[in-house]
């Protein structure tokens, strides 16, 4: 299979590239090496992939319609996995225009090119942030109460809706995956588990928003990749699926697991809860199990141990 991976040098993208190459697929990664965090980390992410004959890297932006069109025209892709995005809940509150530009307009560019060049299977990475403050826990894909509280979540809902349009109007086989709090090796340094682990290792105060009672459905990177591969290989022509663990863990419990894995006690600085942060997230993964063969395997304690081993 010839697969395009946008955001291929990022946290999830680089792991997906490695998994695709390991099973014999040919991979083209598109990444603009955005300086949201140190681009050197992204280059390190794809170091092993670059030694593989089946891997090609294209530096470019999904908003560049001409580049994207040429890429699809010459790539002959069987599938595209669209992971590239502006991420960051709080950052989106400060700059909603850029988030719409990248996450909506960039996605439309890609789907336009896909329709014009063979209609490859298209997997779109959405987010649990689309559920926002919905009280219906665990979240189900058919939840009518989608209530995002950030431009990031709103931009992903908009992109999901465009994906539905491109399927129904243009026949593009497209599946949207709502990813729940991915973590693991290569995780972005601004994400909570990474920040907390660094603080504990360095002996510096750990900043926690709220009292630690908020909870998240943390999903280990290998399980996230398994869900994406399941969507790639599934015959389902169109749909929206949660990719999570169906288990919510309190933030305070995550800190305790990090302390245990690192062997040091955290110094915690409590700050007020931030706007845009839902109190709880948890995924109902019944549909993904049934249709995509999705079967998350990694307990949070084991995933954190692996992450800490990598970080050290």
Protein backbone atom coordinates (compact mmCIF):
# COMPACT_ATOMS: atom_id res chain seq x y z
CA UNK A 1 0.00 0.00 0.00
CA UNK A 2 1.24 3.50 -0.87
CA UNK A 3 0.33 5.82 1.99
CA UNK A 4 0.60 9.56 2.47
CA UNK A 5 0.97 10.64 6.12
CA UNK A 6 0.53 14.35 6.80
CA UNK A 7 2.25 15.50 9.96
CA UNK A 8 4.48 12.49 9.45
CA UNK A 9 7.37 13.84 11.55
CA UNK A 10 5.19 14.52 14.57
CA UNK A 11 4.47 12.40 17.62
CA UNK A 12 1.68 10.21 16.23
CA UNK A 13 2.74 10.58 12.60
CA UNK A 14 6.27 9.28 13.10
CA UNK A 15 5.03 6.22 15.00
CA UNK A 16 2.53 5.55 12.24
CA UNK A 17 5.24 5.85 9.57
CA UNK A 18 7.38 3.33 11.46
CA UNK A 19 4.45 0.89 11.75
CA UNK A 20 3.54 1.19 8.07
CA UNK A 21 7.14 0.65 6.97
CA UNK A 22 7.46 -2.35 9.29
CA UNK A 23 4.55 -4.07 7.57
CA UNK A 24 5.89 -3.36 4.07
CA UNK A 25 3.96 -0.29 2.99
CA UNK A 26 5.51 2.59 1.05
CA UNK A 27 5.24 5.88 2.95
CA UNK A 28 5.41 9.52 1.93
CA UNK A 29 5.48 11.90 4.92
CA UNK A 30 4.43 15.53 4.49
CA UNK A 31 5.45 17.91 7.28
CA UNK A 32 6.15 21.63 7.52
CA UNK A 33 8.26 21.33 10.72
CA UNK A 34 6.23 24.06 12.38
CA UNK A 35 8.22 25.72 15.22
CA UNK A 36 5.36 25.25 17.73
CA UNK A 37 7.98 23.06 19.40
CA UNK A 38 11.62 22.43 18.50
CA UNK A 39 11.80 21.06 14.93
CA UNK A 40 14.92 19.13 15.95
CA UNK A 41 12.65 16.80 17.91
CA UNK A 42 10.65 16.08 14.77
CA UNK A 43 13.79 15.33 12.79
CA UNK A 44 14.80 12.91 15.55
CA UNK A 45 11.36 11.28 15.35
CA UNK A 46 11.88 10.24 11.72
CA UNK A 47 15.57 9.42 11.90
CA UNK A 48 15.00 5.66 11.64
CA UNK A 49 12.37 6.02 8.91
CA UNK A 50 14.74 8.04 6.73
CA UNK A 51 17.05 5.03 6.51
CA UNK A 52 14.23 2.98 4.97
CA UNK A 53 14.01 2.62 1.18
CA UNK A 54 10.23 2.77 1.33
CA UNK A 55 10.16 6.20 2.97
CA UNK A 56 10.09 9.65 1.38
CA UNK A 57 9.86 13.01 3.15
CA UNK A 58 8.31 16.13 1.64
CA UNK A 59 8.73 19.41 3.50
CA UNK A 60 5.66 21.50 2.88
CA UNK A 61 2.39 22.91 4.17
CA UNK A 62 -1.07 21.41 3.72
CA UNK A 63 -2.35 24.93 2.98
CA UNK A 64 -0.27 25.01 -0.20
CA UNK A 65 -2.87 23.81 -2.70
CA UNK A 66 -0.46 23.53 -5.61
CA UNK A 67 2.03 21.46 -3.62
CA UNK A 68 -0.68 19.16 -2.30
CA UNK A 69 -2.18 18.65 -5.76
CA UNK A 70 1.21 17.79 -7.27
CA UNK A 71 1.91 15.42 -4.38
CA UNK A 72 -1.27 13.43 -4.98
CA UNK A 73 -0.81 13.51 -8.75
CA UNK A 74 2.61 11.88 -8.65
CA UNK A 75 2.17 9.80 -5.50
CA UNK A 76 -0.46 7.35 -6.74
CA UNK A 77 -1.56 6.91 -3.14
CA UNK A 78 -3.82 4.08 -2.05
CA UNK A 79 -4.52 5.89 1.21
CA UNK A 80 -3.87 9.16 3.01
CA UNK A 81 -3.74 9.61 6.79
CA UNK A 82 -4.24 13.26 7.69
CA UNK A 83 -2.63 13.98 11.06
CA UNK A 84 -1.21 17.46 10.38
CA UNK A 85 -2.93 20.17 12.42
CA UNK A 86 -2.47 23.11 14.69
CA UNK A 87 -2.92 21.60 18.14
CA UNK A 88 -3.28 23.11 21.59
CA UNK A 89 -6.54 23.92 23.30
CA UNK A 90 -5.35 27.12 24.98
CA UNK A 91 -3.38 28.29 21.95
CA UNK A 92 -6.53 28.08 19.83
CA UNK A 93 -8.29 30.53 22.14
CA UNK A 94 -5.58 33.08 21.39
CA UNK A 95 -5.47 32.55 17.61
CA UNK A 96 -8.69 31.04 16.23
CA UNK A 97 -8.07 32.33 12.70
CA UNK A 98 -4.87 30.30 12.29
CA UNK A 99 -6.53 27.19 13.69
CA UNK A 100 -9.36 27.48 11.19
CA UNK A 101 -6.88 28.16 8.38
CA UNK A 102 -4.82 25.04 9.03
CA UNK A 103 -7.35 22.59 10.45
CA UNK A 104 -10.25 23.36 8.13
CA UNK A 105 -8.87 24.94 4.96
CA UNK A 106 -5.81 22.67 4.96
CA UNK A 107 -8.04 19.60 5.28
CA UNK A 108 -10.20 20.78 2.38
CA UNK A 109 -7.05 21.19 0.24
CA UNK A 110 -6.11 17.58 0.91
CA UNK A 111 -9.57 16.18 0.21
CA UNK A 112 -9.83 18.23 -2.99
CA UNK A 113 -6.57 16.73 -4.21
CA UNK A 114 -7.65 13.24 -3.16
CA UNK A 115 -10.89 13.51 -5.16
CA UNK A 116 -9.02 14.73 -8.26
CA UNK A 117 -6.38 12.01 -8.07
CA UNK A 118 -7.94 8.59 -7.62
CA UNK A 119 -10.00 8.96 -4.43
CA UNK A 120 -7.63 7.09 -2.10
CA UNK A 121 -8.91 5.98 1.28
CA UNK A 122 -8.74 9.04 3.54
CA UNK A 123 -8.30 8.84 7.32
CA UNK A 124 -8.81 12.11 9.20
CA UNK A 125 -7.49 12.58 12.75
CA UNK A 126 -10.14 14.37 14.76
CA UNK A 127 -10.17 14.78 18.53
CA UNK A 128 -12.12 14.17 21.73
CA UNK A 129 -12.25 17.99 22.03
CA UNK A 130 -15.28 17.93 19.71
CA UNK A 131 -17.34 16.71 22.67
CA UNK A 132 -16.38 19.75 24.77
CA UNK A 133 -18.67 20.02 27.78
CA UNK A 134 -21.08 17.27 26.76
CA UNK A 135 -22.36 15.60 29.95
CA UNK A 136 -22.89 12.26 28.20
CA UNK A 137 -19.95 10.23 29.58
CA UNK A 138 -18.60 7.98 28.09
CA UNK A 139 -18.72 9.88 24.82
CA UNK A 140 -20.45 8.13 21.93
CA UNK A 141 -19.98 9.05 18.29
CA UNK A 142 -23.72 9.64 17.84
CA UNK A 143 -23.83 12.13 20.74
CA UNK A 144 -26.13 14.97 19.60
CA UNK A 145 -24.69 17.26 22.28
CA UNK A 146 -21.34 18.12 20.71
CA UNK A 147 -20.43 21.33 22.47
CA UNK A 148 -16.80 22.33 21.87
CA UNK A 149 -15.53 25.17 24.03
CA UNK A 150 -12.40 25.99 22.01
CA UNK A 151 -11.66 26.95 18.41
CA UNK A 152 -9.51 23.81 18.22
CA UNK A 153 -12.51 21.56 18.90
CA UNK A 154 -14.74 23.62 16.63
CA UNK A 155 -12.22 23.42 13.78
CA UNK A 156 -12.13 19.64 14.04
CA UNK A 157 -15.92 19.37 13.97
CA UNK A 158 -15.97 21.56 10.87
CA UNK A 159 -13.36 19.33 9.20
CA UNK A 160 -15.39 16.22 10.10
CA UNK A 161 -18.45 17.77 8.46
CA UNK A 162 -16.47 18.60 5.32
CA UNK A 163 -15.23 14.99 5.28
CA UNK A 164 -18.85 13.84 5.30
CA UNK A 165 -19.64 16.18 2.40
CA UNK A 166 -16.68 14.89 0.37
CA UNK A 167 -17.85 11.33 0.93
CA UNK A 168 -21.48 11.88 0.02
CA UNK A 169 -20.91 14.29 -2.88
CA UNK A 170 -17.62 13.05 -4.35
CA UNK A 171 -17.48 9.42 -3.24
CA UNK A 172 -14.30 9.86 -1.19
CA UNK A 173 -13.93 6.95 1.26
CA UNK A 174 -13.21 8.88 4.46
CA UNK A 175 -13.13 7.86 8.10
CA UNK A 176 -12.73 10.34 10.97
CA UNK A 177 -11.05 9.16 14.18
CA UNK A 178 -11.65 11.06 17.40
CA UNK A 179 -8.39 10.54 19.28
CA UNK A 180 -8.37 10.69 23.07
CA UNK A 181 -5.27 12.10 24.88
CA UNK A 182 -2.49 10.18 23.18
CA UNK A 183 0.73 9.73 25.15
CA UNK A 184 3.95 7.76 24.94
CA UNK A 185 7.42 7.96 23.48
CA UNK A 186 8.02 11.12 21.37
CA UNK A 187 5.04 12.89 22.93
CA UNK A 188 5.07 16.66 22.38
CA UNK A 189 6.93 18.42 25.21
CA UNK A 190 3.96 20.71 25.96
CA UNK A 191 1.62 17.81 26.78
CA UNK A 192 0.79 17.15 30.42
CA UNK A 193 2.47 13.77 30.95
CA UNK A 194 5.67 14.98 29.28
CA UNK A 195 5.70 18.27 31.21
CA UNK A 196 5.00 16.54 34.50
CA UNK A 197 7.69 13.93 33.97
CA UNK A 198 10.28 16.60 33.11
CA UNK A 199 9.43 18.58 36.23
CA UNK A 200 9.71 15.54 38.49
CA UNK A 201 13.02 14.49 36.91
CA UNK A 202 14.43 18.02 37.22
CA UNK A 203 13.11 18.60 40.74
CA UNK A 204 11.19 21.70 39.67
CA UNK A 205 7.59 22.57 40.63
CA UNK A 206 4.94 20.81 38.60
CA UNK A 207 2.12 23.12 37.49
CA UNK A 208 -1.30 21.50 37.87
CA UNK A 209 -4.45 23.29 36.82
CA UNK A 210 -7.17 22.51 39.33
CA UNK A 211 -7.06 20.09 42.26
CA UNK A 212 -6.16 16.97 40.25
CA UNK A 213 -9.69 15.57 40.15
CA UNK A 214 -10.19 16.14 36.42
CA UNK A 215 -9.86 12.96 34.41
CA UNK A 216 -8.86 11.94 30.91
CA UNK A 217 -9.03 8.85 28.74
CA UNK A 218 -5.27 8.41 28.18
CA UNK A 219 -4.43 6.31 25.12
CA UNK A 220 -0.97 4.83 24.60
CA UNK A 221 0.65 5.59 21.26
CA UNK A 222 0.83 1.95 20.10
CA UNK A 223 -2.92 1.63 20.65
CA UNK A 224 -3.58 4.87 18.75
CA UNK A 225 -1.52 3.57 15.83
CA UNK A 226 -3.43 0.29 16.01
CA UNK A 227 -6.68 2.20 15.64
CA UNK A 228 -5.39 4.11 12.62
CA UNK A 229 -4.18 0.92 10.95
CA UNK A 230 -7.57 -0.65 11.63
CA UNK A 231 -9.27 2.27 9.89
CA UNK A 232 -6.87 1.99 6.95
CA UNK A 233 -7.53 -1.71 6.50
CA UNK A 234 -11.26 -1.68 7.18
CA UNK A 235 -13.75 -1.79 4.28
CA UNK A 236 -15.96 0.79 6.05
CA UNK A 237 -16.55 3.52 3.42
CA UNK A 238 -17.39 6.32 5.83
CA UNK A 239 -17.78 6.85 9.55
CA UNK A 240 -16.67 8.53 12.76
CA UNK A 241 -14.98 6.49 15.51
CA UNK A 242 -13.60 7.08 18.99
CA UNK A 243 -10.02 5.90 19.56
CA UNK A 244 -9.52 5.78 23.31
CA UNK A 245 -9.26 3.33 26.19
CA UNK A 246 -12.77 3.50 27.68
CA UNK A 247 -11.11 4.28 31.04
CA UNK A 248 -10.78 7.71 32.68
CA UNK A 249 -7.86 8.41 35.05
CA UNK A 250 -7.65 11.37 37.40
CA UNK A 251 -4.79 13.81 36.89
CA UNK A 252 -3.62 13.23 40.46
CA UNK A 253 -3.37 9.50 39.75
CA UNK A 254 -1.25 10.20 36.66
CA UNK A 255 1.19 12.20 38.80
CA UNK A 256 1.35 9.33 41.30
CA UNK A 257 2.18 6.85 38.52
CA UNK A 258 4.91 9.17 37.22
CA UNK A 259 6.37 9.49 40.71
CA UNK A 260 6.41 5.70 41.00
CA UNK A 261 8.04 5.20 37.60
CA UNK A 262 10.65 7.91 38.16
CA UNK A 263 11.31 7.17 41.82
CA UNK A 264 10.98 10.80 42.94
CA UNK A 265 8.26 12.86 44.59
CA UNK A 266 6.67 15.75 42.73
CA UNK A 267 6.44 19.28 44.02
CA UNK A 268 3.03 20.48 42.89
CA UNK A 269 1.96 24.06 42.27
CA UNK A 270 -1.82 24.31 41.94
CA UNK A 271 -3.33 26.93 39.64
CA UNK A 272 -6.97 27.64 38.73
CA UNK A 273 -8.59 25.45 36.11
CA UNK A 274 -8.24 26.82 32.59
CA UNK A 275 -11.02 27.79 30.17
CA UNK A 276 -11.51 25.18 27.48
CA UNK A 277 -10.65 22.22 29.71
CA UNK A 278 -13.56 19.77 30.15
CA UNK A 279 -13.65 18.17 33.60
CA UNK A 280 -13.70 14.61 32.24
CA UNK A 281 -13.25 12.66 29.01
CA UNK A 282 -13.92 8.99 28.35
CA UNK A 283 -14.49 7.15 25.07
CA UNK A 284 -17.11 4.57 24.25
CA UNK A 285 -15.13 2.41 21.80
CA UNK A 286 -17.85 -0.12 20.97
CA UNK A 287 -18.11 1.01 17.34
CA UNK A 288 -14.34 1.01 16.75
CA UNK A 289 -14.05 -2.50 18.22
CA UNK A 290 -16.84 -3.75 15.96
CA UNK A 291 -15.93 -2.03 12.68
CA UNK A 292 -12.17 -1.43 12.88
CA UNK A 293 -11.03 -4.36 15.01
CA UNK A 294 -9.71 -1.81 17.50
CA UNK A 295 -8.46 -3.40 20.72
CA UNK A 296 -6.35 -1.20 23.03
CA UNK A 297 -3.91 -3.27 25.08
CA UNK A 298 -1.83 -0.92 27.23
CA UNK A 299 -2.68 -0.07 30.83
CA UNK A 300 -1.77 3.47 31.89
CA UNK A 301 0.80 2.27 34.43
CA UNK A 302 2.65 0.27 31.76
CA UNK A 303 2.46 3.05 29.19
CA UNK A 304 3.85 5.57 31.65
CA UNK A 305 6.68 3.21 32.55
CA UNK A 306 7.63 2.90 28.88
CA UNK A 307 7.42 6.66 28.41
CA UNK A 308 9.64 7.34 31.42
CA UNK A 309 12.18 4.76 30.22
CA UNK A 310 12.31 6.56 26.87
CA UNK A 311 12.56 10.01 28.44
CA UNK A 312 15.41 8.99 30.72
